[in-house]
Amino acid sequence: MTMNAEAEVNGPQTATQEGKGLGEESLAPQQTRIMDPWSYLFAWLGGCVSIGTFTIGSGLVGTLNLLQVVVAIAIGCAVIGTALMINGQAGHKYGIPFMVQARSAFGFSGTRLPALVRSVPAIVWFGFQSWIGAGALNLVSETLFGYSNIVVFFVGFQFLQIGLSVLGFHGIKWLENIGSVFIIGSLIYMFFSVISKYGEEISTNLVNIEGTWGAPFWGATMLFLGIYSTMMLNVSDYSRELRHNVGPMRQIVIYANSILPATLFMGLIGLMVSGATGQVDPIKVFSSAVDNKLLLVITLLFIAFAQVTTNILNNVVPPAYALMDVFKIKFKTSAVLVGLLAFATFPWELVKDESAAGLNLFIQTYSAFLGPIFAILVVDYFVLRKQKLDLTKLYDENGPYKGVNWAAVIAMAIGVIAALLFSGISWYASLLPAGVSYYILMRSLPAAKRFME
């Protein structure tokens, strides 16, 4: 165990982490920044290849035309980029992860609530996307060798990802830098293959329809935004790795331009193939666009690889840091536990058609918590604390942030209610009620006064 890891486990500390090797992640304030702007952009590009984007694109068939979907994606990505920059400032400036950042708003014990909201969906999606990736590998094996056993591929695929995840951000940097080239090349190829194969159907079903610029359009912007809304909470886990000299506006450019290509290509592929064929299964969506066995294998390998790049960045780091904070364990142990927990999500059940309603309910439920937590963190850091944090207090379990800040919990509940009342635009609808109520409660609730000392 490193000196900084020991300090985090054993008690209050503010020592910075001056350097780190493979998998030596810590909750301590970090000065070492291993990602330059290009590495950071590639990391987000690889991490944003979400299978859910296909499904969202497919679900807009008959509601929006092609132009409206493009604009909806662009607006969603612009909002995402801005939100990521805003909430990532604390991590970028002070080198602290999300679990530490949230202490000033929720308290040491209260932080477990936003950690749960962020970690549970990550583990569920880790298992779900691993099953999708294993399905792609199984189809490759069946196509080339006639061997099919998805359980074997799922177990092997999961342990491969666990092995990569214990390398920490050094492994993420290596994986995403290499993988992004393959991902972009595959997406461009698939995009033009779909247009070439289904051009007439696309023109009839998606281009030459009126669509709408009303509520369904704005609901679509939130759908594309919602894919990444979990990452808006723990963006400090990543921004603490970005070099100090990258300013806020440049960060927005990096976020938007890494998320936009992946979302645009994948969303439009899902939209166009579904509009032409009615097919929504991501593997069948991809495979239907190719007529060559070699190209089909490459396409399926892309699907599998995309699950790795997304899982390692987005679905391992958040719950791993949460386990480190709650159980005082090292990152490598925590990353292994996250991978094993993903088995317990029973993804083979989640992918069944009869599970779709339950899965959608799960998504809607946890999504209602994301906007309120984001608003509370932003108001806490920018409005109440004027972008100034006392690291000594953030690492002192017996200091002013001890226990639970009920102002944050109550404000979150108010925001969740607003989100559920306006489920179509839940993330947008929850921001103002949660942020304003948190500010008022922090100024008026006696129990919250010590959090401002």
Protein backbone atom coordinates (compact mmCIF):
# COMPACT_ATOMS: atom_id res chain seq x y z
CA MET A 1 0.00 0.00 0.00
CA THR A 2 1.33 3.44 -0.84
CA MET A 3 1.84 6.16 1.75
CA ASN A 4 -1.15 8.10 0.43
CA ALA A 5 -3.40 5.07 0.38
CA GLU A 6 -2.43 4.39 3.99
CA ALA A 7 -3.23 7.99 4.88
CA GLU A 8 -6.67 7.69 3.31
CA VAL A 9 -7.38 4.42 5.10
CA ASN A 10 -6.02 5.36 8.49
CA GLY A 11 -7.45 8.81 8.97
CA PRO A 12 -7.47 12.53 8.10
CA GLN A 13 -4.86 13.66 5.64
CA THR A 14 -4.28 16.20 2.96
CA ALA A 15 -1.06 14.82 1.47
CA THR A 16 -1.08 14.94 -2.32
CA GLN A 17 -0.41 11.93 -4.48
CA GLU A 18 2.83 12.89 -6.23
CA GLY A 19 2.99 9.87 -8.50
CA LYS A 20 1.31 6.57 -9.12
CA GLY A 21 1.92 3.31 -10.88
CA LEU A 22 -0.48 0.91 -12.52
CA GLY A 23 -3.62 0.59 -10.43
CA GLU A 24 -2.36 2.81 -7.62
CA GLU A 25 -5.47 4.97 -7.50
CA SER A 26 -6.19 6.85 -4.30
CA LEU A 27 -8.85 9.14 -2.87
CA ALA A 28 -6.09 11.52 -1.78
CA PRO A 29 -5.72 14.93 -3.49
CA GLN A 30 -3.78 14.26 -6.66
CA GLN A 31 -1.20 16.50 -8.28
CA THR A 32 0.09 14.00 -10.83
CA ARG A 33 -1.91 14.39 -14.04
CA ILE A 34 -1.40 11.57 -16.53
CA MET A 35 -3.71 12.79 -19.31
CA ASP A 36 -2.99 15.52 -21.85
CA PRO A 37 -5.95 17.02 -23.78
CA TRP A 38 -5.78 14.47 -26.59
CA SER A 39 -5.57 11.48 -24.25
CA TYR A 40 -8.49 12.89 -22.27
CA LEU A 41 -10.54 13.38 -25.44
CA PHE A 42 -9.81 9.82 -26.60
CA ALA A 43 -10.71 8.45 -23.17
CA TRP A 44 -14.14 10.08 -23.29
CA LEU A 45 -14.64 9.09 -26.92
CA GLY A 46 -14.00 5.43 -26.14
CA GLY A 47 -16.00 5.61 -22.93
CA CYS A 48 -19.09 7.02 -24.62
CA VAL A 49 -19.76 4.20 -27.04
CA SER A 50 -22.96 3.15 -25.33
CA ILE A 51 -25.24 0.43 -26.66
CA GLY A 52 -28.13 2.44 -25.23
CA THR A 53 -27.56 5.08 -27.92
CA PHE A 54 -28.70 2.62 -30.60
CA THR A 55 -31.89 1.92 -28.69
CA ILE A 56 -32.65 5.62 -28.23
CA GLY A 57 -32.10 6.27 -31.92
CA SER A 58 -34.34 3.33 -32.80
CA GLY A 59 -37.06 4.60 -30.48
CA LEU A 60 -37.34 7.92 -32.34
CA VAL A 61 -38.48 6.35 -35.60
CA GLY A 62 -41.79 7.88 -36.62
CA THR A 63 -41.46 10.75 -34.12
CA LEU A 64 -38.59 12.88 -35.44
CA ASN A 65 -37.08 13.19 -38.88
CA LEU A 66 -33.38 12.79 -39.60
CA LEU A 67 -32.54 16.50 -39.25
CA GLN A 68 -34.39 16.80 -35.95
CA VAL A 69 -32.51 13.82 -34.52
CA VAL A 70 -29.17 15.35 -35.54
CA VAL A 71 -30.09 18.66 -33.88
CA ALA A 72 -31.38 16.87 -30.76
CA ILE A 73 -28.10 14.99 -30.44
CA ALA A 74 -26.08 18.19 -30.94
CA ILE A 75 -28.06 20.05 -28.25
CA GLY A 76 -27.82 17.13 -25.85
CA CYS A 77 -24.05 16.86 -26.33
CA ALA A 78 -23.57 20.62 -25.87
CA VAL A 79 -25.47 20.48 -22.58
CA ILE A 80 -23.48 17.42 -21.53
CA GLY A 81 -20.15 19.09 -22.32
CA THR A 82 -21.06 22.20 -20.34
CA ALA A 83 -22.38 20.20 -17.39
CA LEU A 84 -19.29 18.00 -17.28
CA MET A 85 -17.02 21.04 -17.29
CA ILE A 86 -19.00 22.72 -14.50
CA ASN A 87 -19.17 19.78 -12.11
CA GLY A 88 -15.64 18.66 -12.94
CA GLN A 89 -14.02 21.90 -11.82
CA ALA A 90 -13.58 20.81 -8.20
CA GLY A 91 -11.82 17.64 -9.25
CA HIS A 92 -9.66 19.43 -11.81
CA LYS A 93 -8.62 22.21 -9.43
CA TYR A 94 -8.06 20.21 -6.25
CA GLY A 95 -7.35 16.72 -7.61
CA ILE A 96 -10.16 15.15 -5.58
CA PRO A 97 -12.57 12.41 -6.70
CA PHE A 98 -16.36 12.52 -6.61
CA MET A 99 -16.56 10.71 -3.25
CA VAL A 100 -14.51 13.47 -1.62
CA GLN A 101 -16.14 16.33 -3.55
CA ALA A 102 -19.60 15.28 -2.35
CA ARG A 103 -18.60 15.41 1.34
CA SER A 104 -18.96 19.18 1.55
CA ALA A 105 -22.59 18.93 0.43
CA PHE A 106 -23.77 15.60 1.85
CA GLY A 107 -21.36 14.92 4.71
CA PHE A 108 -19.10 11.91 5.23
CA SER A 109 -21.98 9.51 5.93
CA GLY A 110 -24.44 11.26 3.64
CA THR A 111 -22.11 10.84 0.67
CA ARG A 112 -23.06 7.19 0.58
CA LEU A 113 -26.45 8.19 -0.86
CA PRO A 114 -25.12 9.80 -4.08
CA ALA A 115 -22.49 7.04 -4.21
CA LEU A 116 -25.28 4.45 -4.21
CA VAL A 117 -27.21 6.34 -6.90
CA ARG A 118 -24.09 6.40 -9.08
CA SER A 119 -22.72 2.93 -8.30
CA VAL A 120 -25.73 0.64 -8.58
CA PRO A 121 -26.59 1.62 -12.20
CA ALA A 122 -22.89 1.34 -13.10
CA ILE A 123 -22.70 -2.24 -11.85
CA VAL A 124 -25.98 -3.16 -13.55
CA TRP A 125 -24.83 -1.70 -16.86
CA PHE A 126 -21.42 -3.36 -16.43
CA GLY A 127 -23.13 -6.74 -16.38
CA PHE A 128 -25.64 -5.85 -19.10
CA GLN A 129 -23.05 -4.52 -21.54
CA SER A 130 -20.69 -7.40 -20.81
CA TRP A 131 -23.45 -9.81 -21.82
CA ILE A 132 -23.95 -7.85 -25.07
CA GLY A 133 -20.19 -8.00 -25.73
CA ALA A 134 -20.10 -11.70 -24.95
CA GLY A 135 -23.00 -12.23 -27.34
CA ALA A 136 -21.01 -10.53 -30.09
CA LEU A 137 -17.96 -12.71 -29.39
CA ASN A 138 -20.14 -15.81 -29.32
CA LEU A 139 -21.55 -14.92 -32.75
CA VAL A 140 -18.00 -14.43 -34.07
CA SER A 141 -17.07 -17.89 -32.79
CA GLU A 142 -20.20 -19.42 -34.25
CA THR A 143 -19.59 -17.73 -37.62
CA LEU A 144 -15.93 -18.74 -37.88
CA PHE A 145 -15.69 -22.02 -35.98
CA GLY A 146 -19.21 -23.28 -35.44
CA TYR A 147 -18.77 -23.13 -31.66
CA SER A 148 -21.42 -21.39 -29.56
CA ASN A 149 -21.46 -21.06 -25.77
CA ILE A 150 -22.38 -17.60 -24.55
CA VAL A 151 -21.87 -18.49 -20.88
CA VAL A 152 -18.23 -19.36 -21.49
CA PHE A 153 -17.70 -16.17 -23.46
CA PHE A 154 -19.44 -14.07 -20.81
CA VAL A 155 -17.31 -15.42 -17.97
CA GLY A 156 -14.11 -15.05 -19.98
CA PHE A 157 -15.06 -11.58 -21.20
CA GLN A 158 -15.87 -10.44 -17.68
CA PHE A 159 -12.56 -11.63 -16.26
CA LEU A 160 -10.72 -9.95 -19.14
CA GLN A 161 -12.35 -6.65 -18.17
CA ILE A 162 -11.55 -7.19 -14.50
CA GLY A 163 -7.90 -7.73 -15.45
CA LEU A 164 -7.84 -4.50 -17.45
CA SER A 165 -9.69 -2.49 -14.79
CA VAL A 166 -7.11 -3.16 -12.05
CA LEU A 167 -4.58 -1.21 -14.12
CA GLY A 168 -6.42 2.01 -13.20
CA PHE A 169 -6.17 5.20 -15.22
CA HIS A 170 -2.85 4.24 -16.80
CA GLY A 171 -4.66 1.25 -18.30
CA ILE A 172 -7.63 3.40 -19.27
CA LYS A 173 -5.35 5.86 -21.06
CA TRP A 174 -3.64 3.09 -23.00
CA LEU A 175 -6.86 1.27 -23.83
CA GLU A 176 -8.83 4.33 -24.93
CA ASN A 177 -6.03 5.92 -26.97
CA ILE A 178 -5.65 2.79 -29.06
CA GLY A 179 -9.32 1.88 -29.10
CA SER A 180 -10.62 5.25 -30.22
CA VAL A 181 -9.04 4.91 -33.66
CA PHE A 182 -10.70 1.53 -34.16
CA ILE A 183 -14.02 2.82 -32.82
CA ILE A 184 -14.18 5.90 -35.04
CA GLY A 185 -13.13 3.91 -38.11
CA SER A 186 -15.79 1.28 -37.44
CA LEU A 187 -18.52 3.85 -36.83
CA ILE A 188 -17.75 5.75 -40.03
CA TYR A 189 -17.73 2.51 -42.00
CA MET A 190 -21.03 1.37 -40.49
CA PHE A 191 -22.66 4.74 -41.03
CA PHE A 192 -21.94 4.85 -44.75
CA SER A 193 -22.74 1.14 -45.14
CA VAL A 194 -26.19 1.77 -43.72
CA ILE A 195 -26.77 4.73 -46.04
CA SER A 196 -25.57 2.72 -49.03
CA LYS A 197 -27.77 -0.27 -48.22
CA TYR A 198 -30.93 1.49 -47.01
CA GLY A 199 -30.75 4.87 -48.76
CA GLU A 200 -34.19 4.68 -50.33
CA GLU A 201 -35.92 3.54 -47.15
CA ILE A 202 -34.12 6.20 -45.12
CA SER A 203 -35.24 8.90 -47.52
CA THR A 204 -38.85 7.70 -47.35
CA ASN A 205 -39.14 7.00 -43.64
CA LEU A 206 -36.80 9.57 -42.07
CA VAL A 207 -36.01 12.44 -44.41
CA ASN A 208 -39.35 13.08 -46.08
CA ILE A 209 -41.44 13.16 -42.92
CA GLU A 210 -42.48 16.25 -41.00
CA GLY A 211 -41.55 15.17 -37.48
CA THR A 212 -41.90 17.72 -34.69
CA TRP A 213 -39.92 20.46 -33.00
CA GLY A 214 -42.22 20.38 -29.96
CA ALA A 215 -42.12 18.46 -26.68
CA PRO A 216 -41.00 15.12 -28.23
CA PHE A 217 -37.99 16.91 -29.74
CA TRP A 218 -36.93 18.36 -26.38
CA GLY A 219 -37.63 15.02 -24.77
CA ALA A 220 -35.21 13.50 -27.29
CA THR A 221 -32.46 15.94 -26.31
CA MET A 222 -32.87 14.72 -22.74
CA LEU A 223 -32.74 11.08 -23.81
CA PHE A 224 -29.35 11.56 -25.45
CA LEU A 225 -28.24 13.69 -22.52
CA GLY A 226 -29.52 11.06 -20.09
CA ILE A 227 -27.12 8.42 -21.38
CA TYR A 228 -24.27 10.38 -19.82
CA SER A 229 -26.08 11.94 -16.87
CA THR A 230 -24.50 9.44 -14.47
CA MET A 231 -21.04 10.62 -15.54
CA MET A 232 -22.01 14.22 -14.78
CA LEU A 233 -22.03 13.28 -11.10
CA ASN A 234 -18.61 11.67 -10.85
CA VAL A 235 -16.81 13.64 -13.57
CA SER A 236 -14.25 14.75 -10.96
CA ASP A 237 -13.00 11.15 -10.93
CA TYR A 238 -11.76 11.83 -14.46
CA SER A 239 -11.01 15.57 -14.46
CA ARG A 240 -8.45 15.07 -11.65
CA GLU A 241 -6.38 13.19 -14.24
CA LEU A 242 -6.40 16.10 -16.75
CA ARG A 243 -3.44 18.44 -16.85
CA HIS A 244 -3.76 21.65 -14.86
CA ASN A 245 -3.26 24.02 -17.80
CA VAL A 246 -6.47 22.98 -19.64
CA GLY A 247 -9.00 25.76 -19.00
CA PRO A 248 -12.81 25.53 -18.68
CA MET A 249 -13.68 26.49 -22.26
CA ARG A 250 -11.16 24.03 -23.66
CA GLN A 251 -12.67 21.37 -21.42
CA ILE A 252 -16.13 21.98 -22.90
CA VAL A 253 -14.65 21.57 -26.38
CA ILE A 254 -12.99 18.29 -25.35
CA TYR A 255 -16.14 16.88 -23.75
CA ALA A 256 -18.50 17.91 -26.56
CA ASN A 257 -16.20 16.78 -29.36
CA SER A 258 -15.51 13.41 -27.77
CA ILE A 259 -19.14 12.64 -26.96
CA LEU A 260 -20.70 14.06 -30.16
CA PRO A 261 -19.10 11.75 -32.77
CA ALA A 262 -19.89 8.54 -30.90
CA THR A 263 -23.43 9.64 -30.06
CA LEU A 264 -24.15 11.02 -33.52
CA PHE A 265 -22.96 7.97 -35.44
CA MET A 266 -24.49 5.42 -33.10
CA GLY A 267 -27.78 7.23 -32.65
CA LEU A 268 -28.20 7.73 -36.39
CA ILE A 269 -27.24 4.14 -37.20
CA GLY A 270 -29.88 2.90 -34.77
CA LEU A 271 -32.43 5.35 -36.20
CA MET A 272 -31.72 4.55 -39.85
CA VAL A 273 -31.57 0.77 -39.57
CA SER A 274 -34.67 0.62 -37.40
CA GLY A 275 -36.47 3.04 -39.71
CA ALA A 276 -35.62 0.84 -42.68
CA THR A 277 -36.05 -2.64 -41.18
CA GLY A 278 -37.85 -2.29 -37.85
CA GLN A 279 -34.91 -4.06 -36.15
CA VAL A 280 -33.81 -2.75 -32.72
CA ASP A 281 -31.42 -5.42 -31.41
CA PRO A 282 -27.94 -3.79 -31.56
CA ILE A 283 -26.13 -6.89 -32.79
CA LYS A 284 -28.73 -7.48 -35.50
CA VAL A 285 -28.73 -3.76 -36.33
CA PHE A 286 -25.01 -3.91 -37.04
CA SER A 287 -24.95 -7.27 -38.75
CA SER A 288 -27.85 -6.38 -41.04
CA ALA A 289 -25.77 -3.62 -42.58
CA VAL A 290 -22.99 -5.93 -43.81
CA ASP A 291 -23.11 -8.70 -46.40
CA ASN A 292 -19.52 -9.92 -46.03
CA LYS A 293 -18.45 -12.50 -43.42
CA LEU A 294 -15.12 -10.81 -42.71
CA LEU A 295 -16.78 -7.42 -42.29
CA LEU A 296 -19.44 -9.01 -40.07
CA VAL A 297 -16.72 -10.42 -37.81
CA ILE A 298 -14.99 -7.04 -37.63
CA THR A 299 -18.30 -5.38 -36.82
CA LEU A 300 -19.05 -7.85 -34.03
CA LEU A 301 -15.56 -7.40 -32.60
CA PHE A 302 -16.22 -3.67 -32.59
CA ILE A 303 -19.36 -4.24 -30.50
CA ALA A 304 -17.39 -6.33 -28.00
CA PHE A 305 -14.50 -3.87 -27.84
CA ALA A 306 -16.88 -0.94 -27.39
CA GLN A 307 -18.29 -2.61 -24.28
CA VAL A 308 -14.78 -2.88 -22.81
CA THR A 309 -13.90 0.78 -23.36
CA THR A 310 -17.24 1.93 -21.94
CA ASN A 311 -17.25 -0.40 -18.94
CA ILE A 312 -13.69 0.26 -17.80
CA LEU A 313 -14.12 4.05 -17.77
CA ASN A 314 -17.74 4.51 -16.78
CA ASN A 315 -18.84 1.40 -14.93
CA VAL A 316 -15.78 0.39 -12.92
CA VAL A 317 -14.25 3.62 -11.61
CA PRO A 318 -17.34 5.10 -9.83
CA PRO A 319 -18.34 2.02 -7.78
CA ALA A 320 -14.67 1.18 -7.19
CA TYR A 321 -14.04 4.58 -5.60
CA ALA A 322 -17.25 4.21 -3.58
CA LEU A 323 -16.11 0.86 -2.20
CA MET A 324 -12.70 2.36 -1.41
CA ASP A 325 -14.35 5.11 0.59
CA VAL A 326 -16.88 2.97 2.46
CA PHE A 327 -14.75 -0.11 3.19
CA LYS A 328 -11.27 1.48 3.21
CA ILE A 329 -9.81 -0.94 0.66
CA LYS A 330 -7.32 -0.49 -2.17
CA PHE A 331 -8.35 0.26 -5.73
CA LYS A 332 -7.28 -3.07 -7.20
CA THR A 333 -9.34 -5.00 -4.65
CA SER A 334 -12.26 -2.67 -5.21
CA ALA A 335 -12.10 -3.02 -9.01
CA VAL A 336 -12.13 -6.82 -8.74
CA LEU A 337 -15.17 -6.68 -6.42
CA VAL A 338 -17.04 -4.47 -8.89
CA GLY A 339 -16.39 -6.98 -11.67
CA LEU A 340 -17.61 -9.85 -9.51
CA LEU A 341 -20.70 -7.91 -8.43
CA ALA A 342 -21.61 -7.48 -12.10
CA PHE A 343 -22.19 -11.25 -12.26
CA ALA A 344 -24.88 -10.81 -9.59
CA THR A 345 -26.95 -8.52 -11.83
CA PHE A 346 -28.05 -11.57 -13.88
CA PRO A 347 -27.71 -9.75 -17.24
CA TRP A 348 -29.03 -12.81 -19.11
CA GLU A 349 -32.36 -12.02 -17.49
CA LEU A 350 -32.16 -8.28 -18.20
CA VAL A 351 -31.81 -8.77 -21.95
CA LYS A 352 -35.03 -10.77 -22.22
CA ASP A 353 -37.98 -9.05 -23.89
CA GLU A 354 -40.16 -9.59 -20.82
CA SER A 355 -37.59 -7.73 -18.72
CA ALA A 356 -37.76 -4.58 -20.83
CA ALA A 357 -40.49 -2.93 -18.75
CA GLY A 358 -38.66 -3.57 -15.49
CA LEU A 359 -35.38 -2.33 -16.92
CA ASN A 360 -37.04 0.86 -18.18
CA LEU A 361 -38.59 1.41 -14.74
CA PHE A 362 -35.18 0.98 -13.15
CA ILE A 363 -33.66 3.54 -15.54
CA GLN A 364 -36.46 6.05 -14.91
CA THR A 365 -36.14 5.59 -11.14
CA TYR A 366 -32.42 6.15 -10.79
CA SER A 367 -32.44 8.89 -13.46
CA ALA A 368 -34.76 10.93 -11.25
CA PHE A 369 -31.94 11.23 -8.69
CA LEU A 370 -29.21 12.35 -11.09
CA GLY A 371 -30.35 15.91 -11.83
CA PRO A 372 -30.98 16.82 -8.15
CA ILE A 373 -27.55 15.56 -7.04
CA PHE A 374 -25.86 17.41 -9.89
CA ALA A 375 -27.67 20.66 -8.97
CA ILE A 376 -26.75 20.31 -5.29
CA LEU A 377 -23.05 19.75 -6.05
CA VAL A 378 -22.94 22.74 -8.41
CA VAL A 379 -24.72 25.11 -6.00
CA ASP A 380 -22.53 23.92 -3.13
CA TYR A 381 -19.23 24.47 -4.96
CA PHE A 382 -19.95 27.57 -7.06
CA VAL A 383 -22.58 29.51 -5.09
CA LEU A 384 -22.01 28.67 -1.44
CA ARG A 385 -18.27 28.00 -1.39
CA LYS A 386 -17.21 30.30 -4.25
CA GLN A 387 -14.98 27.54 -5.71
CA LYS A 388 -12.91 27.35 -2.53
CA LEU A 389 -12.61 24.08 -0.63
CA ASP A 390 -10.76 23.34 2.59
CA LEU A 391 -9.07 19.99 1.94
CA THR A 392 -8.26 19.51 5.63
CA LYS A 393 -11.99 19.46 6.43
CA LEU A 394 -12.81 17.24 3.46
CA TYR A 395 -10.50 14.55 4.84
CA ASP A 396 -11.39 14.96 8.52
CA GLU A 397 -14.10 12.43 9.42
CA ASN A 398 -14.63 14.13 12.78
CA GLY A 399 -14.68 17.68 11.38
CA PRO A 400 -17.60 19.90 10.32
CA TYR A 401 -18.60 17.49 7.53
CA LYS A 402 -19.14 14.62 9.94
CA GLY A 403 -22.38 12.65 9.53
CA VAL A 404 -25.21 13.64 7.18
CA ASN A 405 -26.12 17.07 5.84
CA TRP A 406 -29.91 16.84 5.85
CA ALA A 407 -30.21 20.02 3.79
CA ALA A 408 -28.77 18.10 0.84
CA VAL A 409 -30.96 15.04 1.47
CA ILE A 410 -34.16 17.13 1.69
CA ALA A 411 -33.24 19.17 -1.39
CA MET A 412 -32.54 15.97 -3.29
CA ALA A 413 -35.97 14.60 -2.32
CA ILE A 414 -37.62 17.80 -3.60
CA GLY A 415 -35.73 17.50 -6.88
CA VAL A 416 -36.67 13.82 -7.24
CA ILE A 417 -40.35 14.65 -6.83
CA ALA A 418 -40.08 17.32 -9.54
CA ALA A 419 -38.29 14.84 -11.80
CA LEU A 420 -40.98 12.21 -11.35
CA LEU A 421 -43.75 14.74 -11.99
CA PHE A 422 -42.15 15.73 -15.30
CA SER A 423 -40.66 12.39 -16.28
CA GLY A 424 -40.35 13.31 -19.95
CA ILE A 425 -37.82 16.04 -19.13
CA SER A 426 -36.89 14.83 -15.64
CA TRP A 427 -33.26 15.96 -15.63
CA TYR A 428 -34.10 19.52 -16.70
CA ALA A 429 -37.14 19.73 -14.41
CA SER A 430 -35.24 18.68 -11.28
CA LEU A 431 -32.37 21.17 -11.45
CA LEU A 432 -34.04 24.37 -10.26
CA PRO A 433 -36.14 22.86 -7.42
CA ALA A 434 -33.17 20.93 -6.03
CA GLY A 435 -30.63 23.75 -6.40
CA VAL A 436 -32.83 26.51 -5.00
CA SER A 437 -34.13 24.42 -2.09
CA TYR A 438 -30.57 23.38 -1.20
CA TYR A 439 -29.42 27.00 -1.12
CA ILE A 440 -32.38 28.07 1.05
CA LEU A 441 -31.98 25.14 3.45
CA MET A 442 -28.25 25.74 3.83
CA ARG A 443 -28.97 29.34 4.77
CA SER A 444 -31.85 28.62 7.13
CA LEU A 445 -31.57 25.11 8.58
CA PRO A 446 -29.68 25.24 11.91
CA ALA A 447 -28.25 21.74 11.49
CA ALA A 448 -26.67 22.78 8.16
CA LYS A 449 -24.77 25.75 9.60
CA ARG A 450 -21.72 23.71 10.63
CA PHE A 451 -21.25 22.59 7.01
CA MET A 452 -20.53 26.23 6.18
CA GLU A 453 -18.01 26.81 8.96
